[in-house]
Amino acid sequence: STVDMTLDGGLGDLDSLNVHVLNNVTEKLTAVQRESTADYWIAVHEWGSDAFYVYLLTSAGLQAPVISHTGIVHRNDTIQNTYGQMKFNPCGTMIGAAIYASDTVQVFTFDNAAGVVSNPIILPLDTFTYGLEFSGNSSKLYVSERGPVYTLFQYNLDILNEDSIRASKTGLSV
C-alpha cells in the first residue's frame, strides 16, 4: 500500500491499497537507509530459492529489484522454512537471515550503494532458530535457538571469516 502524504491536508491518505509486489516469499523482510541518500533498501527472500530481492524505495516509488542469488536455498519442503528474522546491521553493510527449520543463520555482505547481497557465511545451529540481532556497532551477532532449552548465542563479526565467526560462538543463556 502507498500513503501519499500530500493528501488529506498533509495528514496523508492511501494512494493505493494492497498492490502485489512479489509471489512466493518468506516472512523475512527488512529495510535500511541507502547511504548518503533519503532512499531505503527493502529486502525480502524468495521461498524455495537462494534469491534475495532488494528493492530501492525512492520518492518516485518502489524501483525494480536487484536480485542476488547467494547462500543456501530456503527449502520449500516445509512451511517452517519461511520462518525466521532477517535484518540489516546498523551500518547497512551486512544482512543476517535465520532459517527456522533448516537450523541455520546466514550472514552476508551488503553493498549499500548497489543493493547486492554476497559472500555468505553459514552458521549452523543444533535446533530451530528464529531471532537475530546485530549489536549497535555491528561487531556482534546475537541469535536465539529454540530447543529443549531456549538459548541465546553471540558471534563475533570483527573478522568476516566463516571459521573465525563459527569459533567465536558463545552461549549467553545456556
N, C-alpha and C. Protein backbone atom coordinates (compact mmCIF):
# COMPACT_ATOMS: atom_id res chain seq x y z
N SER A 1 0.84 -1.18 0.00
CA SER A 1 0.00 0.00 0.00
C SER A 1 0.89 1.24 0.00
N THR A 2 0.41 2.30 -0.60
CA THR A 2 1.16 3.54 -0.68
C THR A 2 0.37 4.65 0.00
N VAL A 3 1.04 5.40 0.86
CA VAL A 3 0.45 6.56 1.51
C VAL A 3 1.01 7.80 0.84
N ASP A 4 0.14 8.65 0.38
CA ASP A 4 0.53 9.93 -0.21
C ASP A 4 0.35 10.99 0.86
N MET A 5 1.46 11.53 1.35
CA MET A 5 1.43 12.49 2.46
C MET A 5 0.93 13.87 2.03
N THR A 6 0.72 14.08 0.74
CA THR A 6 0.17 15.37 0.31
C THR A 6 -1.35 15.36 0.38
N LEU A 7 -1.96 14.19 0.56
CA LEU A 7 -3.42 14.10 0.63
C LEU A 7 -3.92 14.45 2.02
N ASP A 8 -5.21 14.70 2.14
CA ASP A 8 -5.89 14.99 3.40
C ASP A 8 -5.20 16.10 4.19
N GLY A 9 -4.90 17.19 3.49
CA GLY A 9 -4.32 18.36 4.15
C GLY A 9 -2.96 18.10 4.78
N GLY A 10 -2.18 17.19 4.21
CA GLY A 10 -0.84 16.90 4.74
C GLY A 10 -0.82 15.79 5.78
N LEU A 11 -1.99 15.26 6.14
CA LEU A 11 -2.04 14.14 7.09
C LEU A 11 -1.77 12.81 6.39
N GLY A 12 -1.97 12.78 5.08
CA GLY A 12 -1.73 11.57 4.30
C GLY A 12 -2.97 10.71 4.19
N ASP A 13 -3.02 9.95 3.11
CA ASP A 13 -4.10 9.00 2.89
C ASP A 13 -3.59 7.96 1.90
N LEU A 14 -4.31 6.84 1.84
CA LEU A 14 -3.91 5.76 0.94
C LEU A 14 -4.06 6.19 -0.51
N ASP A 15 -2.99 6.03 -1.25
CA ASP A 15 -2.97 6.31 -2.68
C ASP A 15 -3.28 5.03 -3.44
N SER A 16 -2.77 3.90 -2.93
CA SER A 16 -3.05 2.58 -3.50
C SER A 16 -3.08 1.60 -2.34
N LEU A 17 -3.84 0.53 -2.51
CA LEU A 17 -4.05 -0.42 -1.41
C LEU A 17 -3.73 -1.84 -1.86
N ASN A 18 -2.88 -2.50 -1.10
CA ASN A 18 -2.56 -3.92 -1.31
C ASN A 18 -2.14 -4.25 -2.73
N VAL A 19 -1.20 -3.49 -3.27
CA VAL A 19 -0.66 -3.77 -4.59
C VAL A 19 0.37 -4.88 -4.44
N HIS A 20 0.16 -5.98 -5.16
CA HIS A 20 1.03 -7.16 -5.06
C HIS A 20 2.39 -6.86 -5.71
N VAL A 21 3.47 -7.21 -4.99
CA VAL A 21 4.82 -6.93 -5.49
C VAL A 21 5.53 -8.20 -5.95
N LEU A 22 5.47 -9.28 -5.15
CA LEU A 22 6.24 -10.49 -5.47
C LEU A 22 5.57 -11.71 -4.86
N ASN A 23 5.48 -12.79 -5.61
CA ASN A 23 4.94 -14.06 -5.13
C ASN A 23 6.01 -14.86 -4.40
N ASN A 24 5.55 -15.82 -3.60
CA ASN A 24 6.40 -16.88 -3.08
C ASN A 24 7.58 -16.39 -2.25
N VAL A 25 7.31 -15.52 -1.29
CA VAL A 25 8.37 -15.03 -0.42
C VAL A 25 8.21 -15.59 0.99
N THR A 26 9.31 -15.62 1.73
CA THR A 26 9.28 -15.99 3.13
C THR A 26 8.80 -14.79 3.95
N GLU A 27 8.72 -14.96 5.26
CA GLU A 27 8.31 -13.82 6.10
C GLU A 27 9.46 -12.84 6.32
N LYS A 28 10.62 -13.15 5.81
CA LYS A 28 11.79 -12.30 6.01
C LYS A 28 11.64 -10.98 5.24
N LEU A 29 11.70 -9.89 5.98
CA LEU A 29 11.54 -8.55 5.41
C LEU A 29 12.34 -7.59 6.27
N THR A 30 13.19 -6.78 5.65
CA THR A 30 13.98 -5.82 6.40
C THR A 30 14.27 -4.61 5.51
N ALA A 31 14.61 -3.51 6.14
CA ALA A 31 14.90 -2.29 5.38
C ALA A 31 16.04 -1.52 6.04
N VAL A 32 16.76 -0.76 5.23
CA VAL A 32 17.85 0.07 5.71
C VAL A 32 17.97 1.29 4.79
N GLN A 33 18.41 2.39 5.36
CA GLN A 33 18.58 3.60 4.54
C GLN A 33 19.77 3.44 3.62
N ARG A 34 19.60 3.87 2.40
CA ARG A 34 20.71 3.87 1.44
C ARG A 34 21.68 4.97 1.85
N GLU A 35 22.94 4.63 1.89
CA GLU A 35 23.98 5.54 2.35
C GLU A 35 23.94 6.88 1.61
N SER A 36 23.99 7.96 2.37
CA SER A 36 24.08 9.33 1.86
C SER A 36 22.89 9.75 1.00
N THR A 37 21.73 9.12 1.23
CA THR A 37 20.53 9.50 0.48
C THR A 37 19.33 9.47 1.43
N ALA A 38 18.19 9.86 0.92
CA ALA A 38 16.93 9.74 1.67
C ALA A 38 16.18 8.47 1.26
N ASP A 39 16.81 7.64 0.42
CA ASP A 39 16.18 6.42 -0.10
C ASP A 39 16.41 5.25 0.86
N TYR A 40 15.60 4.20 0.68
CA TYR A 40 15.72 2.99 1.51
C TYR A 40 15.78 1.74 0.64
N TRP A 41 16.58 0.79 1.11
CA TRP A 41 16.59 -0.56 0.52
C TRP A 41 15.60 -1.40 1.32
N ILE A 42 14.76 -2.16 0.63
CA ILE A 42 13.83 -3.09 1.25
C ILE A 42 14.16 -4.48 0.71
N ALA A 43 14.49 -5.41 1.61
CA ALA A 43 14.94 -6.74 1.19
C ALA A 43 13.95 -7.81 1.63
N VAL A 44 13.69 -8.76 0.74
CA VAL A 44 12.90 -9.96 1.04
C VAL A 44 13.66 -11.16 0.48
N HIS A 45 13.24 -12.38 0.90
CA HIS A 45 13.87 -13.60 0.39
C HIS A 45 12.81 -14.48 -0.23
N GLU A 46 13.12 -15.02 -1.39
CA GLU A 46 12.20 -15.92 -2.07
C GLU A 46 12.24 -17.30 -1.43
N TRP A 47 11.09 -17.91 -1.29
CA TRP A 47 10.97 -19.25 -0.72
C TRP A 47 11.27 -20.28 -1.80
N GLY A 48 12.02 -21.34 -1.43
CA GLY A 48 12.38 -22.38 -2.38
C GLY A 48 13.50 -21.95 -3.31
N SER A 49 14.28 -20.98 -2.88
CA SER A 49 15.30 -20.37 -3.73
C SER A 49 16.42 -19.82 -2.86
N ASP A 50 17.50 -19.38 -3.50
CA ASP A 50 18.57 -18.67 -2.81
C ASP A 50 18.54 -17.18 -3.14
N ALA A 51 17.40 -16.71 -3.63
CA ALA A 51 17.31 -15.34 -4.17
C ALA A 51 16.86 -14.31 -3.13
N PHE A 52 17.65 -13.25 -3.03
CA PHE A 52 17.28 -12.05 -2.31
C PHE A 52 16.75 -11.05 -3.35
N TYR A 53 15.62 -10.44 -3.05
CA TYR A 53 15.07 -9.37 -3.87
C TYR A 53 15.22 -8.10 -3.04
N VAL A 54 16.01 -7.16 -3.53
CA VAL A 54 16.29 -5.93 -2.80
C VAL A 54 15.77 -4.76 -3.65
N TYR A 55 14.75 -4.10 -3.11
CA TYR A 55 14.08 -3.01 -3.82
C TYR A 55 14.57 -1.67 -3.27
N LEU A 56 14.80 -0.72 -4.14
CA LEU A 56 15.12 0.64 -3.73
C LEU A 56 13.82 1.43 -3.69
N LEU A 57 13.54 2.02 -2.54
CA LEU A 57 12.36 2.87 -2.37
C LEU A 57 12.83 4.32 -2.39
N THR A 58 12.39 5.06 -3.39
CA THR A 58 12.75 6.47 -3.55
C THR A 58 11.48 7.32 -3.47
N SER A 59 11.64 8.61 -3.58
CA SER A 59 10.46 9.49 -3.59
C SER A 59 9.58 9.22 -4.81
N ALA A 60 10.14 8.58 -5.83
CA ALA A 60 9.38 8.23 -7.03
C ALA A 60 8.65 6.89 -6.87
N GLY A 61 8.92 6.17 -5.79
CA GLY A 61 8.26 4.89 -5.56
C GLY A 61 9.23 3.73 -5.51
N LEU A 62 8.68 2.53 -5.57
CA LEU A 62 9.46 1.30 -5.50
C LEU A 62 10.08 1.00 -6.86
N GLN A 63 11.40 0.82 -6.89
CA GLN A 63 12.11 0.54 -8.14
C GLN A 63 12.19 -0.97 -8.37
N ALA A 64 12.55 -1.38 -9.56
CA ALA A 64 12.72 -2.80 -9.88
C ALA A 64 13.79 -3.40 -8.96
N PRO A 65 13.65 -4.68 -8.59
CA PRO A 65 14.57 -5.25 -7.61
C PRO A 65 15.95 -5.56 -8.16
N VAL A 66 16.92 -5.52 -7.26
CA VAL A 66 18.24 -6.09 -7.50
C VAL A 66 18.13 -7.51 -6.97
N ILE A 67 18.37 -8.51 -7.80
CA ILE A 67 18.22 -9.91 -7.39
C ILE A 67 19.60 -10.52 -7.23
N SER A 68 19.87 -11.03 -6.02
CA SER A 68 21.14 -11.68 -5.72
C SER A 68 20.89 -13.14 -5.39
N HIS A 69 21.53 -14.05 -6.10
CA HIS A 69 21.46 -15.48 -5.81
C HIS A 69 22.71 -15.84 -5.02
N THR A 70 22.52 -16.09 -3.72
CA THR A 70 23.66 -16.39 -2.86
C THR A 70 23.18 -17.12 -1.60
N GLY A 71 24.07 -17.87 -1.00
CA GLY A 71 23.72 -18.59 0.23
C GLY A 71 22.96 -19.86 -0.08
N ILE A 72 22.34 -20.42 0.96
CA ILE A 72 21.62 -21.68 0.80
C ILE A 72 20.19 -21.43 0.35
N VAL A 73 19.61 -22.43 -0.26
CA VAL A 73 18.22 -22.37 -0.68
C VAL A 73 17.33 -22.45 0.55
N HIS A 74 16.37 -21.57 0.63
CA HIS A 74 15.35 -21.63 1.69
C HIS A 74 14.32 -22.65 1.23
N ARG A 75 14.59 -23.90 1.57
CA ARG A 75 13.82 -25.05 1.06
C ARG A 75 12.32 -24.86 1.24
N ASN A 76 11.57 -25.34 0.25
CA ASN A 76 10.13 -25.22 0.34
C ASN A 76 9.47 -26.56 0.65
N ASP A 77 10.21 -27.50 1.25
CA ASP A 77 9.62 -28.78 1.63
C ASP A 77 8.84 -28.69 2.94
N THR A 78 9.00 -27.59 3.68
CA THR A 78 8.24 -27.38 4.90
C THR A 78 7.97 -25.89 5.08
N ILE A 79 6.76 -25.57 5.50
CA ILE A 79 6.37 -24.17 5.68
C ILE A 79 7.26 -23.47 6.71
N GLN A 80 7.83 -24.24 7.65
CA GLN A 80 8.66 -23.65 8.70
C GLN A 80 9.95 -23.02 8.16
N ASN A 81 10.33 -23.33 6.92
CA ASN A 81 11.50 -22.66 6.34
C ASN A 81 11.19 -21.25 5.87
N THR A 82 9.92 -20.85 5.94
CA THR A 82 9.60 -19.45 5.69
C THR A 82 9.80 -18.61 6.95
N TYR A 83 9.89 -19.27 8.11
CA TYR A 83 10.00 -18.59 9.40
C TYR A 83 11.43 -18.07 9.61
N GLY A 84 11.54 -17.04 10.42
CA GLY A 84 12.84 -16.53 10.84
C GLY A 84 13.04 -15.09 10.44
N GLN A 85 13.76 -14.38 11.29
CA GLN A 85 14.01 -12.96 11.04
C GLN A 85 15.12 -12.74 10.03
N MET A 86 15.07 -11.59 9.40
CA MET A 86 16.14 -11.11 8.54
C MET A 86 16.34 -9.64 8.90
N LYS A 87 17.60 -9.25 9.07
CA LYS A 87 17.89 -7.87 9.48
C LYS A 87 19.16 -7.36 8.83
N PHE A 88 19.17 -6.05 8.59
CA PHE A 88 20.40 -5.36 8.23
C PHE A 88 21.12 -4.98 9.51
N ASN A 89 22.44 -4.92 9.46
CA ASN A 89 23.18 -4.38 10.61
C ASN A 89 23.01 -2.86 10.60
N PRO A 90 23.29 -2.20 11.74
CA PRO A 90 23.09 -0.74 11.82
C PRO A 90 23.88 0.05 10.79
N CYS A 91 25.01 -0.46 10.34
CA CYS A 91 25.83 0.24 9.35
C CYS A 91 25.31 0.08 7.93
N GLY A 92 24.41 -0.90 7.72
CA GLY A 92 23.89 -1.15 6.39
C GLY A 92 24.87 -1.86 5.49
N THR A 93 25.85 -2.57 6.07
CA THR A 93 26.88 -3.26 5.29
C THR A 93 26.77 -4.78 5.36
N MET A 94 25.88 -5.29 6.21
CA MET A 94 25.67 -6.72 6.36
C MET A 94 24.18 -6.99 6.49
N ILE A 95 23.81 -8.22 6.16
CA ILE A 95 22.44 -8.67 6.36
C ILE A 95 22.50 -10.08 6.94
N GLY A 96 21.65 -10.34 7.92
CA GLY A 96 21.59 -11.66 8.53
C GLY A 96 20.21 -12.25 8.32
N ALA A 97 20.15 -13.59 8.15
CA ALA A 97 18.87 -14.26 7.94
C ALA A 97 18.86 -15.57 8.71
N ALA A 98 17.80 -15.78 9.49
CA ALA A 98 17.59 -17.04 10.21
C ALA A 98 16.62 -17.90 9.40
N ILE A 99 16.96 -19.17 9.25
CA ILE A 99 16.09 -20.11 8.53
C ILE A 99 15.68 -21.17 9.54
N TYR A 100 14.50 -21.03 10.06
CA TYR A 100 14.00 -21.76 11.22
C TYR A 100 14.19 -23.28 11.13
N ALA A 101 13.55 -23.94 10.18
CA ALA A 101 13.58 -25.40 10.13
C ALA A 101 14.87 -25.95 9.54
N SER A 102 15.69 -25.10 8.95
CA SER A 102 17.00 -25.54 8.46
C SER A 102 18.07 -25.40 9.54
N ASP A 103 17.67 -24.89 10.74
CA ASP A 103 18.59 -24.74 11.87
C ASP A 103 19.85 -23.97 11.46
N THR A 104 19.65 -22.88 10.75
CA THR A 104 20.79 -22.16 10.17
C THR A 104 20.57 -20.65 10.22
N VAL A 105 21.66 -19.94 10.43
CA VAL A 105 21.70 -18.49 10.25
C VAL A 105 22.76 -18.21 9.20
N GLN A 106 22.47 -17.25 8.36
CA GLN A 106 23.46 -16.82 7.36
C GLN A 106 23.73 -15.34 7.55
N VAL A 107 24.97 -14.95 7.34
CA VAL A 107 25.38 -13.55 7.38
C VAL A 107 26.00 -13.25 6.02
N PHE A 108 25.64 -12.11 5.46
CA PHE A 108 26.10 -11.73 4.13
C PHE A 108 26.68 -10.32 4.15
N THR A 109 27.50 -10.03 3.18
CA THR A 109 27.95 -8.66 2.91
C THR A 109 26.85 -8.00 2.08
N PHE A 110 26.58 -6.73 2.39
CA PHE A 110 25.59 -5.98 1.61
C PHE A 110 26.24 -4.74 1.04
N ASP A 111 26.15 -4.58 -0.28
CA ASP A 111 26.65 -3.39 -0.97
C ASP A 111 25.55 -2.33 -0.91
N ASN A 112 25.69 -1.38 -0.01
CA ASN A 112 24.66 -0.38 0.25
C ASN A 112 24.48 0.58 -0.93
N ALA A 113 25.45 0.70 -1.78
CA ALA A 113 25.31 1.58 -2.94
C ALA A 113 24.55 0.89 -4.07
N ALA A 114 24.80 -0.42 -4.27
CA ALA A 114 24.23 -1.15 -5.41
C ALA A 114 23.08 -2.08 -5.05
N GLY A 115 22.92 -2.42 -3.77
CA GLY A 115 21.85 -3.31 -3.35
C GLY A 115 22.14 -4.79 -3.54
N VAL A 116 23.42 -5.14 -3.66
CA VAL A 116 23.81 -6.53 -3.91
C VAL A 116 24.15 -7.25 -2.60
N VAL A 117 23.61 -8.47 -2.45
CA VAL A 117 23.88 -9.34 -1.31
C VAL A 117 24.90 -10.38 -1.79
N SER A 118 25.99 -10.60 -1.00
CA SER A 118 27.04 -11.54 -1.44
C SER A 118 27.80 -12.10 -0.23
N ASN A 119 28.76 -12.95 -0.51
CA ASN A 119 29.69 -13.50 0.48
C ASN A 119 28.99 -14.17 1.66
N PRO A 120 28.24 -15.26 1.42
CA PRO A 120 27.52 -15.91 2.51
C PRO A 120 28.44 -16.57 3.53
N ILE A 121 28.09 -16.40 4.78
CA ILE A 121 28.72 -17.10 5.89
C ILE A 121 27.61 -17.89 6.56
N ILE A 122 27.77 -19.20 6.62
CA ILE A 122 26.72 -20.08 7.13
C ILE A 122 27.06 -20.50 8.55
N LEU A 123 26.10 -20.28 9.46
CA LEU A 123 26.27 -20.61 10.87
C LEU A 123 25.22 -21.65 11.26
N PRO A 124 25.58 -22.94 11.23
CA PRO A 124 24.62 -23.97 11.60
C PRO A 124 24.38 -23.98 13.11
N LEU A 125 23.15 -24.30 13.49
CA LEU A 125 22.79 -24.44 14.90
C LEU A 125 22.24 -25.84 15.12
N ASP A 126 21.98 -26.19 16.37
CA ASP A 126 21.52 -27.54 16.69
C ASP A 126 20.03 -27.73 16.48
N THR A 127 19.24 -26.71 16.75
CA THR A 127 17.79 -26.81 16.60
C THR A 127 17.25 -25.53 16.01
N PHE A 128 15.95 -25.43 15.97
CA PHE A 128 15.27 -24.31 15.32
C PHE A 128 15.82 -22.96 15.76
N THR A 129 15.98 -22.07 14.79
CA THR A 129 16.44 -20.72 15.09
C THR A 129 15.48 -19.72 14.45
N TYR A 130 15.19 -18.67 15.18
CA TYR A 130 14.23 -17.69 14.67
C TYR A 130 14.78 -16.27 14.72
N GLY A 131 15.15 -15.81 15.91
CA GLY A 131 15.51 -14.41 16.08
C GLY A 131 16.98 -14.14 15.90
N LEU A 132 17.29 -12.93 15.44
CA LEU A 132 18.68 -12.48 15.37
C LEU A 132 18.72 -10.97 15.46
N GLU A 133 19.85 -10.47 15.93
CA GLU A 133 20.03 -9.02 16.05
C GLU A 133 21.52 -8.71 16.03
N PHE A 134 21.87 -7.59 15.41
CA PHE A 134 23.24 -7.11 15.41
C PHE A 134 23.43 -6.14 16.57
N SER A 135 24.65 -6.09 17.11
CA SER A 135 24.96 -5.09 18.14
C SER A 135 24.98 -3.72 17.49
N GLY A 136 24.90 -2.68 18.31
CA GLY A 136 24.85 -1.31 17.81
C GLY A 136 26.03 -0.90 16.95
N ASN A 137 27.21 -1.48 17.23
CA ASN A 137 28.40 -1.15 16.43
C ASN A 137 28.68 -2.21 15.37
N SER A 138 27.77 -3.16 15.19
CA SER A 138 27.83 -4.20 14.17
C SER A 138 28.96 -5.21 14.37
N SER A 139 29.56 -5.23 15.55
CA SER A 139 30.68 -6.16 15.78
C SER A 139 30.22 -7.52 16.29
N LYS A 140 28.95 -7.63 16.69
CA LYS A 140 28.42 -8.88 17.24
C LYS A 140 27.09 -9.21 16.57
N LEU A 141 26.82 -10.52 16.52
CA LEU A 141 25.53 -11.01 16.07
C LEU A 141 24.97 -11.87 17.18
N TYR A 142 23.71 -11.64 17.53
CA TYR A 142 23.03 -12.42 18.56
C TYR A 142 21.95 -13.26 17.88
N VAL A 143 21.89 -14.54 18.25
CA VAL A 143 20.98 -15.49 17.62
C VAL A 143 20.27 -16.29 18.70
N SER A 144 18.95 -16.44 18.57
CA SER A 144 18.20 -17.27 19.51
C SER A 144 17.94 -18.63 18.87
N GLU A 145 18.02 -19.66 19.72
CA GLU A 145 17.79 -21.02 19.27
C GLU A 145 16.72 -21.65 20.15
N ARG A 146 15.78 -22.32 19.52
CA ARG A 146 14.70 -22.99 20.26
C ARG A 146 14.97 -24.48 20.25
N GLY A 147 15.21 -25.02 21.40
CA GLY A 147 15.43 -26.45 21.54
C GLY A 147 14.80 -26.89 22.83
N PRO A 148 15.35 -27.93 23.43
CA PRO A 148 14.84 -28.29 24.76
C PRO A 148 14.99 -27.13 25.74
N VAL A 149 16.04 -26.32 25.51
CA VAL A 149 16.28 -25.11 26.30
C VAL A 149 16.45 -23.96 25.32
N TYR A 150 15.75 -22.85 25.55
CA TYR A 150 15.93 -21.68 24.69
C TYR A 150 17.29 -21.06 25.01
N THR A 151 18.06 -20.80 23.96
CA THR A 151 19.43 -20.34 24.16
C THR A 151 19.69 -19.11 23.29
N LEU A 152 20.49 -18.20 23.83
CA LEU A 152 20.94 -17.03 23.09
C LEU A 152 22.43 -17.18 22.86
N PHE A 153 22.85 -17.03 21.59
CA PHE A 153 24.27 -17.14 21.24
C PHE A 153 24.78 -15.80 20.73
N GLN A 154 26.07 -15.57 20.95
CA GLN A 154 26.75 -14.39 20.44
C GLN A 154 27.87 -14.83 19.51
N TYR A 155 27.99 -14.14 18.38
CA TYR A 155 29.06 -14.37 17.42
C TYR A 155 29.83 -13.07 17.24
N ASN A 156 31.14 -13.17 17.12
CA ASN A 156 32.00 -12.01 16.91
C ASN A 156 32.17 -11.81 15.40
N LEU A 157 31.82 -10.63 14.91
CA LEU A 157 31.89 -10.33 13.48
C LEU A 157 33.06 -9.42 13.12
N ASP A 158 34.00 -9.24 14.05
CA ASP A 158 35.14 -8.36 13.76
C ASP A 158 35.98 -8.87 12.60
N ILE A 159 36.08 -10.19 12.47
CA ILE A 159 36.81 -10.80 11.35
C ILE A 159 35.78 -11.55 10.51
N LEU A 160 35.50 -11.06 9.30
CA LEU A 160 34.47 -11.68 8.46
C LEU A 160 35.03 -12.89 7.74
N ASN A 161 35.25 -13.92 8.53
CA ASN A 161 35.76 -15.19 8.05
C ASN A 161 34.89 -16.27 8.69
N GLU A 162 34.35 -17.18 7.89
CA GLU A 162 33.40 -18.16 8.39
C GLU A 162 33.95 -18.97 9.56
N ASP A 163 35.17 -19.47 9.47
CA ASP A 163 35.75 -20.27 10.56
C ASP A 163 35.91 -19.45 11.83
N SER A 164 36.36 -18.21 11.71
CA SER A 164 36.55 -17.34 12.88
C SER A 164 35.21 -17.03 13.55
N ILE A 165 34.20 -16.75 12.74
CA ILE A 165 32.89 -16.42 13.30
C ILE A 165 32.29 -17.64 13.99
N ARG A 166 32.38 -18.81 13.35
CA ARG A 166 31.86 -20.03 13.98
C ARG A 166 32.58 -20.31 15.30
N ALA A 167 33.90 -20.13 15.33
CA ALA A 167 34.70 -20.41 16.54
C ALA A 167 34.37 -19.43 17.66
N SER A 168 33.83 -18.26 17.33
CA SER A 168 33.53 -17.24 18.35
C SER A 168 32.18 -17.48 19.02
N LYS A 169 31.43 -18.47 18.60
CA LYS A 169 30.10 -18.74 19.17
C LYS A 169 30.18 -18.93 20.68
N THR A 170 29.41 -18.09 21.38
CA THR A 170 29.38 -18.13 22.85
C THR A 170 27.93 -18.19 23.31
N GLY A 171 27.61 -19.19 24.14
CA GLY A 171 26.27 -19.28 24.72
C GLY A 171 26.12 -18.28 25.84
N LEU A 172 25.08 -17.46 25.80
CA LEU A 172 24.87 -16.44 26.81
C LEU A 172 23.78 -16.82 27.80
N SER A 173 22.98 -17.82 27.45
CA SER A 173 21.86 -18.16 28.34
C SER A 173 21.67 -19.67 28.48
N VAL A 174 22.76 -20.41 28.40
CA VAL A 174 22.67 -21.88 28.50
C VAL A 174 22.52 -22.32 29.93
